[in-house]
N, C-alpha and C. Protein backbone atom coordinates (compact mmCIF):
# COMPACT_ATOMS: atom_id res chain seq x y z
N MET A 1 0.84 -1.20 0.00
CA MET A 1 0.00 0.00 0.00
C MET A 1 0.88 1.25 0.00
N THR A 2 0.37 2.31 -0.63
CA THR A 2 1.08 3.58 -0.62
C THR A 2 0.10 4.69 -0.26
N ASN A 3 0.53 5.61 0.59
CA ASN A 3 -0.36 6.69 1.02
C ASN A 3 -0.37 7.80 -0.01
N SER A 4 -1.25 7.68 -0.98
CA SER A 4 -1.40 8.72 -1.99
C SER A 4 -2.76 8.59 -2.61
N ALA A 5 -3.25 9.68 -3.16
CA ALA A 5 -4.53 9.66 -3.86
C ALA A 5 -4.54 10.83 -4.82
N ARG A 6 -4.63 10.53 -6.10
CA ARG A 6 -4.63 11.59 -7.13
C ARG A 6 -5.91 11.45 -7.96
N PHE A 7 -6.83 12.37 -7.72
CA PHE A 7 -8.15 12.28 -8.32
C PHE A 7 -8.49 13.52 -9.15
N LEU A 8 -9.37 13.31 -10.12
CA LEU A 8 -10.09 14.40 -10.76
C LEU A 8 -11.55 14.23 -10.40
N ILE A 9 -12.29 15.33 -10.29
CA ILE A 9 -13.73 15.25 -10.19
C ILE A 9 -14.30 16.08 -11.33
N VAL A 10 -15.16 15.47 -12.12
CA VAL A 10 -15.66 16.09 -13.34
C VAL A 10 -17.18 16.04 -13.35
N GLY A 11 -17.78 17.12 -13.78
CA GLY A 11 -19.24 17.16 -13.88
C GLY A 11 -19.66 18.53 -14.37
N PRO A 12 -20.86 18.64 -14.92
CA PRO A 12 -21.33 19.94 -15.41
C PRO A 12 -21.57 20.92 -14.27
N GLN A 13 -21.65 22.20 -14.62
CA GLN A 13 -22.02 23.20 -13.62
C GLN A 13 -23.35 22.79 -12.99
N GLY A 14 -23.42 22.92 -11.67
CA GLY A 14 -24.64 22.53 -10.98
C GLY A 14 -24.66 21.08 -10.55
N SER A 15 -23.57 20.36 -10.82
CA SER A 15 -23.53 18.93 -10.46
C SER A 15 -23.16 18.72 -9.00
N GLY A 16 -22.66 19.77 -8.35
CA GLY A 16 -22.25 19.64 -6.95
C GLY A 16 -20.82 19.20 -6.78
N LYS A 17 -20.02 19.25 -7.85
CA LYS A 17 -18.66 18.72 -7.76
C LYS A 17 -17.77 19.51 -6.80
N GLY A 18 -18.03 20.83 -6.68
CA GLY A 18 -17.24 21.61 -5.75
C GLY A 18 -17.43 21.14 -4.32
N THR A 19 -18.68 20.95 -3.93
CA THR A 19 -19.00 20.48 -2.57
C THR A 19 -18.49 19.07 -2.34
N GLN A 20 -18.76 18.19 -3.29
CA GLN A 20 -18.32 16.80 -3.13
C GLN A 20 -16.79 16.70 -3.16
N GLY A 21 -16.16 17.54 -3.97
CA GLY A 21 -14.71 17.52 -4.05
C GLY A 21 -14.06 17.83 -2.72
N VAL A 22 -14.62 18.81 -2.01
CA VAL A 22 -14.09 19.18 -0.69
C VAL A 22 -14.18 17.99 0.26
N LEU A 23 -15.32 17.30 0.25
CA LEU A 23 -15.53 16.17 1.16
C LEU A 23 -14.57 15.02 0.86
N VAL A 24 -14.38 14.72 -0.42
CA VAL A 24 -13.46 13.64 -0.79
C VAL A 24 -12.03 14.00 -0.43
N ALA A 25 -11.64 15.23 -0.75
CA ALA A 25 -10.27 15.67 -0.46
C ALA A 25 -9.99 15.62 1.04
N GLU A 26 -10.94 16.08 1.84
CA GLU A 26 -10.75 16.07 3.30
C GLU A 26 -10.61 14.64 3.81
N ALA A 27 -11.44 13.74 3.30
CA ALA A 27 -11.40 12.35 3.76
C ALA A 27 -10.06 11.69 3.44
N PHE A 28 -9.50 12.02 2.28
CA PHE A 28 -8.25 11.40 1.87
C PHE A 28 -7.01 12.19 2.30
N GLY A 29 -7.24 13.33 2.95
CA GLY A 29 -6.11 14.10 3.45
C GLY A 29 -5.27 14.75 2.37
N VAL A 30 -5.93 15.14 1.27
CA VAL A 30 -5.21 15.79 0.17
C VAL A 30 -5.89 17.13 -0.13
N PRO A 31 -5.18 18.07 -0.74
CA PRO A 31 -5.82 19.36 -1.04
C PRO A 31 -6.78 19.27 -2.22
N GLN A 32 -7.87 20.02 -2.11
CA GLN A 32 -8.75 20.20 -3.26
C GLN A 32 -8.17 21.36 -4.05
N VAL A 33 -7.85 21.11 -5.32
CA VAL A 33 -7.21 22.12 -6.15
C VAL A 33 -8.20 22.55 -7.23
N ALA A 34 -8.80 23.73 -7.04
CA ALA A 34 -9.78 24.26 -7.98
C ALA A 34 -9.16 25.43 -8.73
N THR A 35 -9.30 25.42 -10.05
CA THR A 35 -8.65 26.46 -10.85
C THR A 35 -9.11 27.86 -10.47
N GLY A 36 -10.39 28.02 -10.17
CA GLY A 36 -10.89 29.34 -9.78
C GLY A 36 -10.18 29.86 -8.54
N ASP A 37 -9.96 28.98 -7.56
CA ASP A 37 -9.26 29.37 -6.34
C ASP A 37 -7.81 29.74 -6.64
N ILE A 38 -7.17 28.97 -7.53
CA ILE A 38 -5.77 29.25 -7.89
C ILE A 38 -5.66 30.62 -8.53
N PHE A 39 -6.57 30.92 -9.46
CA PHE A 39 -6.56 32.23 -10.11
C PHE A 39 -6.68 33.34 -9.07
N ARG A 40 -7.68 33.21 -8.18
CA ARG A 40 -7.92 34.25 -7.18
C ARG A 40 -6.72 34.42 -6.23
N GLU A 41 -6.14 33.31 -5.80
CA GLU A 41 -5.01 33.38 -4.86
C GLU A 41 -3.81 34.06 -5.49
N ASN A 42 -3.54 33.75 -6.76
CA ASN A 42 -2.39 34.36 -7.43
C ASN A 42 -2.62 35.84 -7.71
N VAL A 43 -3.85 36.19 -8.09
CA VAL A 43 -4.16 37.60 -8.33
C VAL A 43 -4.05 38.38 -7.03
N LYS A 44 -4.64 37.83 -5.96
CA LYS A 44 -4.61 38.49 -4.66
C LYS A 44 -3.19 38.62 -4.14
N GLY A 45 -2.37 37.57 -4.39
CA GLY A 45 -0.99 37.58 -3.90
C GLY A 45 -0.05 38.40 -4.76
N GLY A 46 -0.54 38.87 -5.91
CA GLY A 46 0.29 39.70 -6.77
C GLY A 46 1.46 38.97 -7.39
N THR A 47 1.34 37.65 -7.60
CA THR A 47 2.42 36.89 -8.21
C THR A 47 2.54 37.27 -9.69
N ASP A 48 3.66 36.91 -10.28
CA ASP A 48 3.85 37.19 -11.71
C ASP A 48 2.75 36.52 -12.54
N LEU A 49 2.44 35.25 -12.19
CA LEU A 49 1.39 34.54 -12.90
C LEU A 49 0.03 35.20 -12.65
N GLY A 50 -0.18 35.65 -11.42
CA GLY A 50 -1.43 36.31 -11.07
C GLY A 50 -1.63 37.60 -11.85
N LYS A 51 -0.56 38.34 -12.06
CA LYS A 51 -0.64 39.58 -12.82
C LYS A 51 -1.03 39.30 -14.27
N GLN A 52 -0.48 38.21 -14.82
CA GLN A 52 -0.83 37.83 -16.19
C GLN A 52 -2.32 37.47 -16.28
N VAL A 53 -2.79 36.70 -15.28
CA VAL A 53 -4.20 36.29 -15.25
C VAL A 53 -5.10 37.52 -15.15
N GLN A 54 -4.74 38.45 -14.26
CA GLN A 54 -5.57 39.64 -14.05
C GLN A 54 -5.69 40.46 -15.33
N GLU A 55 -4.58 40.64 -16.04
CA GLU A 55 -4.60 41.40 -17.28
C GLU A 55 -5.52 40.74 -18.32
N ILE A 56 -5.45 39.41 -18.39
CA ILE A 56 -6.26 38.67 -19.36
C ILE A 56 -7.74 38.77 -19.02
N ILE A 57 -8.07 38.57 -17.74
CA ILE A 57 -9.47 38.61 -17.30
C ILE A 57 -10.05 40.02 -17.46
N GLU A 58 -9.25 41.02 -17.10
CA GLU A 58 -9.73 42.40 -17.21
C GLU A 58 -9.97 42.79 -18.67
N ALA A 59 -9.24 42.15 -19.58
CA ALA A 59 -9.43 42.42 -21.00
C ALA A 59 -10.61 41.65 -21.57
N GLY A 60 -11.23 40.82 -20.70
CA GLY A 60 -12.40 40.07 -21.12
C GLY A 60 -12.11 38.79 -21.88
N HIS A 61 -10.87 38.30 -21.73
CA HIS A 61 -10.49 37.08 -22.44
C HIS A 61 -10.44 35.89 -21.50
N LEU A 62 -10.42 34.68 -22.07
CA LEU A 62 -10.24 33.46 -21.29
C LEU A 62 -8.76 33.24 -21.03
N VAL A 63 -8.44 32.68 -19.87
CA VAL A 63 -7.04 32.38 -19.56
C VAL A 63 -6.58 31.23 -20.45
N PRO A 64 -5.50 31.40 -21.22
CA PRO A 64 -5.03 30.35 -22.14
C PRO A 64 -4.67 29.06 -21.41
N ASP A 65 -4.74 27.94 -22.13
CA ASP A 65 -4.45 26.63 -21.55
C ASP A 65 -3.06 26.58 -20.92
N GLU A 66 -2.06 27.11 -21.62
CA GLU A 66 -0.69 27.00 -21.11
C GLU A 66 -0.52 27.74 -19.79
N LEU A 67 -1.12 28.93 -19.68
CA LEU A 67 -1.02 29.69 -18.43
C LEU A 67 -1.80 28.99 -17.33
N THR A 68 -2.99 28.50 -17.66
CA THR A 68 -3.78 27.75 -16.67
C THR A 68 -2.97 26.55 -16.16
N SER A 69 -2.37 25.81 -17.08
CA SER A 69 -1.60 24.63 -16.71
C SER A 69 -0.37 25.00 -15.87
N GLU A 70 0.24 26.14 -16.20
CA GLU A 70 1.40 26.59 -15.42
C GLU A 70 0.99 26.89 -13.98
N LEU A 71 -0.16 27.52 -13.82
CA LEU A 71 -0.67 27.81 -12.48
C LEU A 71 -0.97 26.53 -11.71
N VAL A 72 -1.57 25.55 -12.39
CA VAL A 72 -1.87 24.27 -11.74
C VAL A 72 -0.59 23.53 -11.38
N ARG A 73 0.38 23.51 -12.28
CA ARG A 73 1.66 22.85 -11.99
C ARG A 73 2.33 23.48 -10.77
N ASP A 74 2.28 24.81 -10.71
CA ASP A 74 2.86 25.51 -9.57
C ASP A 74 2.17 25.11 -8.27
N ARG A 75 0.84 24.95 -8.33
CA ARG A 75 0.09 24.57 -7.12
C ARG A 75 0.39 23.13 -6.73
N LEU A 76 0.47 22.22 -7.71
CA LEU A 76 0.70 20.81 -7.40
C LEU A 76 2.13 20.55 -6.93
N ALA A 77 3.01 21.50 -7.17
CA ALA A 77 4.41 21.35 -6.74
C ALA A 77 4.59 21.75 -5.27
N GLN A 78 3.53 22.28 -4.65
CA GLN A 78 3.62 22.68 -3.25
C GLN A 78 3.57 21.46 -2.33
N PRO A 79 4.21 21.56 -1.16
CA PRO A 79 4.37 20.40 -0.27
C PRO A 79 3.08 19.65 0.09
N ASP A 80 1.98 20.37 0.26
CA ASP A 80 0.76 19.69 0.71
C ASP A 80 0.16 18.79 -0.37
N ALA A 81 0.64 18.91 -1.62
CA ALA A 81 0.14 18.06 -2.70
C ALA A 81 1.13 16.94 -3.04
N ALA A 82 2.15 16.78 -2.20
CA ALA A 82 3.19 15.79 -2.49
C ALA A 82 2.64 14.36 -2.53
N HIS A 83 1.62 14.09 -1.72
CA HIS A 83 1.08 12.73 -1.64
C HIS A 83 -0.31 12.61 -2.28
N GLY A 84 -0.70 13.63 -3.03
CA GLY A 84 -1.98 13.52 -3.71
C GLY A 84 -2.72 14.83 -3.79
N PHE A 85 -3.84 14.80 -4.50
CA PHE A 85 -4.64 16.00 -4.72
C PHE A 85 -5.98 15.58 -5.30
N LEU A 86 -6.92 16.50 -5.28
CA LEU A 86 -8.17 16.32 -6.01
C LEU A 86 -8.34 17.56 -6.87
N LEU A 87 -8.31 17.38 -8.19
CA LEU A 87 -8.44 18.49 -9.12
C LEU A 87 -9.91 18.73 -9.47
N ASP A 88 -10.32 19.98 -9.37
CA ASP A 88 -11.70 20.38 -9.68
C ASP A 88 -11.63 21.54 -10.68
N GLY A 89 -12.14 21.31 -11.89
CA GLY A 89 -12.13 22.37 -12.90
C GLY A 89 -10.91 22.32 -13.81
N TYR A 90 -10.09 21.30 -13.65
CA TYR A 90 -8.91 21.12 -14.49
C TYR A 90 -8.62 19.62 -14.55
N PRO A 91 -8.30 19.09 -15.71
CA PRO A 91 -8.28 19.74 -17.02
C PRO A 91 -9.68 19.95 -17.58
N ARG A 92 -9.84 21.02 -18.36
CA ARG A 92 -11.12 21.37 -18.96
C ARG A 92 -11.23 20.93 -20.41
N ASN A 93 -10.11 20.59 -21.03
CA ASN A 93 -10.13 20.19 -22.44
C ASN A 93 -8.96 19.26 -22.72
N ARG A 94 -8.88 18.77 -23.95
CA ARG A 94 -7.87 17.79 -24.30
C ARG A 94 -6.45 18.37 -24.20
N GLY A 95 -6.29 19.63 -24.56
CA GLY A 95 -4.97 20.25 -24.43
C GLY A 95 -4.48 20.24 -23.00
N GLN A 96 -5.37 20.53 -22.06
CA GLN A 96 -4.99 20.53 -20.65
C GLN A 96 -4.75 19.11 -20.15
N VAL A 97 -5.44 18.13 -20.72
CA VAL A 97 -5.17 16.73 -20.37
C VAL A 97 -3.72 16.40 -20.72
N ASP A 98 -3.29 16.81 -21.90
CA ASP A 98 -1.91 16.56 -22.33
C ASP A 98 -0.91 17.24 -21.40
N HIS A 99 -1.22 18.46 -20.97
CA HIS A 99 -0.33 19.18 -20.05
C HIS A 99 -0.22 18.44 -18.72
N LEU A 100 -1.36 17.98 -18.21
CA LEU A 100 -1.36 17.26 -16.94
C LEU A 100 -0.61 15.94 -17.06
N ASP A 101 -0.82 15.23 -18.16
CA ASP A 101 -0.11 13.97 -18.40
C ASP A 101 1.41 14.19 -18.34
N ALA A 102 1.87 15.23 -19.03
CA ALA A 102 3.31 15.50 -19.10
C ALA A 102 3.85 15.83 -17.72
N PHE A 103 3.09 16.61 -16.94
CA PHE A 103 3.53 16.99 -15.60
C PHE A 103 3.64 15.76 -14.70
N LEU A 104 2.60 14.93 -14.70
CA LEU A 104 2.61 13.75 -13.84
C LEU A 104 3.68 12.75 -14.26
N GLU A 105 3.83 12.54 -15.56
CA GLU A 105 4.86 11.62 -16.05
C GLU A 105 6.25 12.09 -15.63
N GLY A 106 6.44 13.40 -15.64
CA GLY A 106 7.73 13.95 -15.24
C GLY A 106 8.04 13.70 -13.78
N ARG A 107 7.01 13.46 -12.98
CA ARG A 107 7.20 13.18 -11.55
C ARG A 107 7.05 11.70 -11.24
N GLY A 108 6.86 10.90 -12.28
CA GLY A 108 6.68 9.46 -12.06
C GLY A 108 5.38 9.13 -11.36
N GLU A 109 4.35 9.94 -11.63
CA GLU A 109 3.05 9.76 -10.97
C GLU A 109 1.97 9.51 -12.02
N SER A 110 0.80 9.11 -11.53
CA SER A 110 -0.35 8.92 -12.42
C SER A 110 -1.62 9.12 -11.61
N LEU A 111 -2.72 9.34 -12.31
CA LEU A 111 -4.01 9.49 -11.65
C LEU A 111 -4.49 8.14 -11.12
N ASP A 112 -5.23 8.19 -10.01
CA ASP A 112 -5.81 6.97 -9.45
C ASP A 112 -7.26 6.79 -9.88
N ALA A 113 -7.98 7.89 -10.09
CA ALA A 113 -9.38 7.79 -10.49
C ALA A 113 -9.91 9.13 -10.97
N VAL A 114 -10.91 9.06 -11.85
CA VAL A 114 -11.63 10.25 -12.31
C VAL A 114 -13.09 10.05 -11.91
N ILE A 115 -13.55 10.87 -10.97
CA ILE A 115 -14.93 10.78 -10.48
C ILE A 115 -15.81 11.59 -11.40
N GLU A 116 -16.76 10.94 -12.06
CA GLU A 116 -17.68 11.64 -12.95
C GLU A 116 -19.05 11.74 -12.28
N LEU A 117 -19.46 12.96 -11.97
CA LEU A 117 -20.80 13.17 -11.41
C LEU A 117 -21.79 13.28 -12.58
N VAL A 118 -22.68 12.32 -12.67
CA VAL A 118 -23.63 12.25 -13.77
C VAL A 118 -24.93 12.93 -13.35
N VAL A 119 -25.24 14.05 -13.99
CA VAL A 119 -26.44 14.82 -13.68
C VAL A 119 -27.12 15.21 -14.99
N PRO A 120 -28.40 14.90 -15.18
CA PRO A 120 -29.10 15.30 -16.40
C PRO A 120 -29.06 16.82 -16.60
N ARG A 121 -29.06 17.22 -17.84
CA ARG A 121 -28.98 18.65 -18.17
C ARG A 121 -30.08 19.46 -17.48
N GLU A 122 -31.31 18.90 -17.49
CA GLU A 122 -32.44 19.62 -16.88
C GLU A 122 -32.21 19.85 -15.39
N GLU A 123 -31.60 18.86 -14.74
CA GLU A 123 -31.31 18.98 -13.30
C GLU A 123 -30.25 20.06 -13.06
N SER A 124 -29.21 20.08 -13.90
CA SER A 124 -28.17 21.10 -13.77
C SER A 124 -28.77 22.49 -13.92
N ILE A 125 -29.62 22.66 -14.93
CA ILE A 125 -30.24 23.96 -15.18
C ILE A 125 -31.10 24.38 -13.99
N ALA A 126 -31.89 23.45 -13.47
CA ALA A 126 -32.76 23.76 -12.33
C ALA A 126 -31.93 24.18 -11.11
N ARG A 127 -30.82 23.47 -10.87
CA ARG A 127 -29.97 23.80 -9.72
C ARG A 127 -29.32 25.17 -9.89
N LEU A 128 -28.85 25.46 -11.12
CA LEU A 128 -28.20 26.74 -11.37
C LEU A 128 -29.19 27.90 -11.26
N ARG A 129 -30.41 27.68 -11.72
CA ARG A 129 -31.46 28.70 -11.56
C ARG A 129 -31.70 28.97 -10.07
N GLN A 130 -31.80 27.88 -9.32
CA GLN A 130 -32.06 28.03 -7.90
C GLN A 130 -30.91 28.74 -7.19
N ARG A 131 -29.69 28.37 -7.56
CA ARG A 131 -28.52 29.00 -6.95
C ARG A 131 -28.48 30.50 -7.27
N ALA A 132 -28.79 30.84 -8.52
CA ALA A 132 -28.80 32.24 -8.93
C ALA A 132 -29.84 33.01 -8.12
N SER A 133 -31.01 32.38 -7.90
CA SER A 133 -32.08 33.02 -7.14
C SER A 133 -31.67 33.19 -5.68
N ASP A 134 -31.10 32.13 -5.10
CA ASP A 134 -30.70 32.16 -3.69
C ASP A 134 -29.63 33.22 -3.43
N GLN A 135 -28.71 33.35 -4.39
CA GLN A 135 -27.58 34.27 -4.21
C GLN A 135 -27.84 35.65 -4.81
N GLY A 136 -29.02 35.82 -5.41
CA GLY A 136 -29.35 37.10 -6.01
C GLY A 136 -28.46 37.47 -7.17
N ARG A 137 -28.03 36.46 -7.93
CA ARG A 137 -27.10 36.69 -9.03
C ARG A 137 -27.89 36.95 -10.33
N THR A 138 -28.02 38.21 -10.66
CA THR A 138 -28.77 38.57 -11.86
C THR A 138 -28.00 38.27 -13.14
N ASP A 139 -26.66 38.03 -13.01
CA ASP A 139 -25.87 37.73 -14.21
C ASP A 139 -26.06 36.29 -14.66
N ASP A 140 -26.58 35.43 -13.80
CA ASP A 140 -26.81 34.04 -14.17
C ASP A 140 -28.16 33.91 -14.86
N THR A 141 -28.23 34.45 -16.05
CA THR A 141 -29.46 34.38 -16.83
C THR A 141 -29.59 33.01 -17.49
N GLU A 142 -30.77 32.77 -18.03
CA GLU A 142 -31.01 31.50 -18.73
C GLU A 142 -29.98 31.30 -19.85
N GLU A 143 -29.71 32.39 -20.57
CA GLU A 143 -28.76 32.31 -21.69
C GLU A 143 -27.35 31.98 -21.20
N VAL A 144 -26.93 32.60 -20.10
CA VAL A 144 -25.60 32.36 -19.53
C VAL A 144 -25.48 30.91 -19.07
N ILE A 145 -26.50 30.43 -18.38
CA ILE A 145 -26.50 29.04 -17.88
C ILE A 145 -26.40 28.06 -19.04
N GLU A 146 -27.21 28.27 -20.07
CA GLU A 146 -27.20 27.40 -21.25
C GLU A 146 -25.82 27.41 -21.91
N ASN A 147 -25.21 28.59 -21.98
CA ASN A 147 -23.89 28.71 -22.62
C ASN A 147 -22.83 27.95 -21.83
N ARG A 148 -22.87 28.06 -20.51
CA ARG A 148 -21.89 27.36 -19.67
C ARG A 148 -22.00 25.85 -19.87
N LEU A 149 -23.21 25.35 -19.90
CA LEU A 149 -23.41 23.91 -20.09
C LEU A 149 -22.98 23.47 -21.48
N ALA A 150 -23.22 24.33 -22.47
CA ALA A 150 -22.82 24.01 -23.84
C ALA A 150 -21.30 23.90 -23.94
N ILE A 151 -20.60 24.81 -23.27
CA ILE A 151 -19.13 24.78 -23.28
C ILE A 151 -18.64 23.51 -22.61
N TYR A 152 -19.27 23.14 -21.48
CA TYR A 152 -18.89 21.90 -20.80
C TYR A 152 -19.08 20.70 -21.72
N GLU A 153 -20.23 20.63 -22.36
CA GLU A 153 -20.55 19.50 -23.22
C GLU A 153 -19.61 19.41 -24.42
N ARG A 154 -19.23 20.58 -24.92
CA ARG A 154 -18.40 20.62 -26.13
C ARG A 154 -16.92 20.38 -25.82
N GLU A 155 -16.42 20.96 -24.71
CA GLU A 155 -14.99 20.95 -24.46
C GLU A 155 -14.55 20.01 -23.34
N THR A 156 -15.34 19.95 -22.27
CA THR A 156 -14.88 19.18 -21.10
C THR A 156 -15.36 17.74 -21.10
N ALA A 157 -16.62 17.50 -21.41
CA ALA A 157 -17.14 16.13 -21.40
C ALA A 157 -16.29 15.16 -22.24
N PRO A 158 -15.76 15.59 -23.40
CA PRO A 158 -14.94 14.66 -24.20
C PRO A 158 -13.67 14.16 -23.52
N ILE A 159 -13.16 14.87 -22.50
CA ILE A 159 -11.95 14.37 -21.84
C ILE A 159 -12.25 13.06 -21.12
N LEU A 160 -13.53 12.84 -20.79
CA LEU A 160 -13.89 11.60 -20.11
C LEU A 160 -13.63 10.40 -21.00
N ASP A 161 -13.74 10.57 -22.32
CA ASP A 161 -13.44 9.47 -23.24
C ASP A 161 -11.98 9.07 -23.14
N VAL A 162 -11.11 10.06 -22.98
CA VAL A 162 -9.67 9.79 -22.83
C VAL A 162 -9.43 8.94 -21.59
N TYR A 163 -10.07 9.33 -20.49
CA TYR A 163 -9.85 8.63 -19.23
C TYR A 163 -10.59 7.29 -19.18
N ARG A 164 -11.67 7.16 -19.94
CA ARG A 164 -12.34 5.86 -20.02
C ARG A 164 -11.42 4.83 -20.68
N GLU A 165 -10.69 5.28 -21.68
CA GLU A 165 -9.76 4.38 -22.36
C GLU A 165 -8.68 3.88 -21.40
N ARG A 166 -8.42 4.65 -20.36
CA ARG A 166 -7.42 4.28 -19.36
C ARG A 166 -8.06 3.57 -18.16
N ASP A 167 -9.37 3.34 -18.25
CA ASP A 167 -10.13 2.67 -17.19
C ASP A 167 -10.03 3.42 -15.85
N LEU A 168 -10.14 4.72 -15.92
CA LEU A 168 -10.03 5.54 -14.71
C LEU A 168 -11.36 6.14 -14.27
N VAL A 169 -12.35 6.17 -15.16
CA VAL A 169 -13.60 6.89 -14.86
C VAL A 169 -14.54 6.08 -13.98
N LEU A 170 -15.00 6.74 -12.91
CA LEU A 170 -15.99 6.14 -12.01
C LEU A 170 -17.26 6.97 -12.10
N PRO A 171 -18.25 6.54 -12.92
CA PRO A 171 -19.48 7.32 -13.02
C PRO A 171 -20.32 7.18 -11.75
N VAL A 172 -20.78 8.31 -11.25
CA VAL A 172 -21.57 8.33 -10.01
C VAL A 172 -22.83 9.15 -10.26
N ASP A 173 -23.98 8.60 -9.89
CA ASP A 173 -25.25 9.31 -10.00
C ASP A 173 -25.20 10.52 -9.08
N GLY A 174 -25.28 11.73 -9.67
CA GLY A 174 -25.17 12.95 -8.88
C GLY A 174 -26.50 13.52 -8.43
N VAL A 175 -27.60 12.79 -8.65
CA VAL A 175 -28.92 13.28 -8.26
C VAL A 175 -29.31 12.67 -6.92
N GLY A 176 -29.74 13.52 -6.00
CA GLY A 176 -30.15 13.04 -4.68
C GLY A 176 -29.61 13.94 -3.59
N ALA A 177 -29.85 13.56 -2.35
CA ALA A 177 -29.36 14.34 -1.22
C ALA A 177 -27.83 14.33 -1.21
N LEU A 178 -27.25 15.38 -0.66
CA LEU A 178 -25.78 15.52 -0.65
C LEU A 178 -25.10 14.29 -0.06
N ASP A 179 -25.59 13.82 1.09
CA ASP A 179 -24.92 12.69 1.74
C ASP A 179 -25.10 11.39 0.96
N GLU A 180 -26.20 11.28 0.22
CA GLU A 180 -26.40 10.10 -0.62
C GLU A 180 -25.38 10.06 -1.75
N VAL A 181 -25.17 11.21 -2.38
CA VAL A 181 -24.20 11.27 -3.47
C VAL A 181 -22.79 11.01 -2.93
N THR A 182 -22.49 11.59 -1.77
CA THR A 182 -21.18 11.37 -1.15
C THR A 182 -20.94 9.89 -0.91
N ALA A 183 -21.96 9.21 -0.39
CA ALA A 183 -21.84 7.78 -0.11
C ALA A 183 -21.58 7.00 -1.40
N ARG A 184 -22.24 7.39 -2.50
CA ARG A 184 -22.03 6.71 -3.78
C ARG A 184 -20.58 6.89 -4.25
N ILE A 185 -20.05 8.09 -4.07
CA ILE A 185 -18.67 8.36 -4.49
C ILE A 185 -17.70 7.47 -3.73
N PHE A 186 -17.85 7.42 -2.41
CA PHE A 186 -16.93 6.61 -1.61
C PHE A 186 -17.08 5.12 -1.91
N ALA A 187 -18.31 4.70 -2.23
CA ALA A 187 -18.53 3.30 -2.58
C ALA A 187 -17.83 2.97 -3.90
N ALA A 188 -17.92 3.89 -4.87
CA ALA A 188 -17.27 3.67 -6.17
C ALA A 188 -15.75 3.63 -6.01
N LEU A 189 -15.21 4.52 -5.18
CA LEU A 189 -13.77 4.53 -4.93
C LEU A 189 -13.34 3.25 -4.22
N ALA A 190 -14.15 2.81 -3.26
CA ALA A 190 -13.81 1.60 -2.50
C ALA A 190 -13.75 0.38 -3.40
N GLU A 191 -14.61 0.34 -4.41
CA GLU A 191 -14.60 -0.79 -5.35
C GLU A 191 -13.27 -0.88 -6.08
N ARG A 192 -12.56 0.26 -6.20
CA ARG A 192 -11.24 0.28 -6.82
C ARG A 192 -10.12 0.12 -5.79
N GLY A 193 -10.52 -0.11 -4.53
CA GLY A 193 -9.52 -0.24 -3.49
C GLY A 193 -8.99 1.09 -2.99
N LEU A 194 -9.73 2.17 -3.30
CA LEU A 194 -9.32 3.52 -2.90
C LEU A 194 -10.15 3.94 -1.69
N VAL A 195 -9.56 3.86 -0.52
CA VAL A 195 -10.29 4.17 0.71
C VAL A 195 -9.44 5.03 1.63
N PRO A 196 -10.08 5.97 2.35
CA PRO A 196 -9.33 6.71 3.38
C PRO A 196 -8.90 5.73 4.46
N ASN A 197 -7.72 5.92 5.04
CA ASN A 197 -7.26 4.95 6.03
C ASN A 197 -7.68 5.29 7.45
N GLY A 198 -8.55 6.31 7.57
CA GLY A 198 -9.12 6.58 8.89
C GLY A 198 -8.54 7.77 9.61
N ASP A 199 -7.37 8.28 9.16
CA ASP A 199 -6.80 9.42 9.84
C ASP A 199 -6.57 10.59 8.89
N GLY A 200 -7.46 10.65 7.87
CA GLY A 200 -7.36 11.74 6.93
C GLY A 200 -6.31 11.55 5.87
N ALA A 201 -5.85 10.32 5.68
CA ALA A 201 -4.89 10.03 4.63
C ALA A 201 -5.45 8.92 3.78
N ALA A 202 -4.81 8.68 2.67
CA ALA A 202 -5.33 7.69 1.73
C ALA A 202 -4.59 6.37 1.82
N ALA A 203 -5.33 5.31 1.56
CA ALA A 203 -4.70 4.01 1.40
C ALA A 203 -5.12 3.51 0.04
N VAL A 204 -4.19 3.45 -0.89
CA VAL A 204 -4.50 2.98 -2.24
C VAL A 204 -3.54 1.89 -2.62
N PRO A 205 -3.96 1.01 -3.53
CA PRO A 205 -3.09 -0.08 -3.92
C PRO A 205 -1.81 0.43 -4.53
N ALA A 206 -0.70 -0.21 -4.24
CA ALA A 206 0.60 0.18 -4.81
C ALA A 206 0.60 -0.20 -6.30
């Protein structure tokens, strides 16, 4: 056995992957690494990478794959990710998959599992509408929500085919109460021999 756990969690907006990702990461004693958080931390910290991100965002552009990957590599090189991580929001497309592959191969590492939260489109839309209402977010219009899901379906969902070929994808029904979905995730991981060892660290097959 080796104490490590390297996971991705993938799902459309409104699938609950952010919440579930935190719970899985905490159980396995690894950091949850979300690209949005990395962007904000670097911008707030005034790092060179953060300044580049801020200029791009302020200009109304998307952060390029290479810069996004550089930020993720920098985060995964930090001590708390030495024995594992849970990536949320990265990789978003095939180019970023290639970047992550190269980074992990360079460290002699590989992913242990890709958790896919399966949520019907109608359910995602309903959840996003509700979230926008609860948070008073007038920018989350029907058109914006539809566009976000379209981008996910066009760019991110196809990366699951890459990971299916590697037998890494664990599809999990994302509909139901939070604790029910969490239980399904841990059951799917356990079937692969991926279980927390009880003290906030991971026990995975060598």
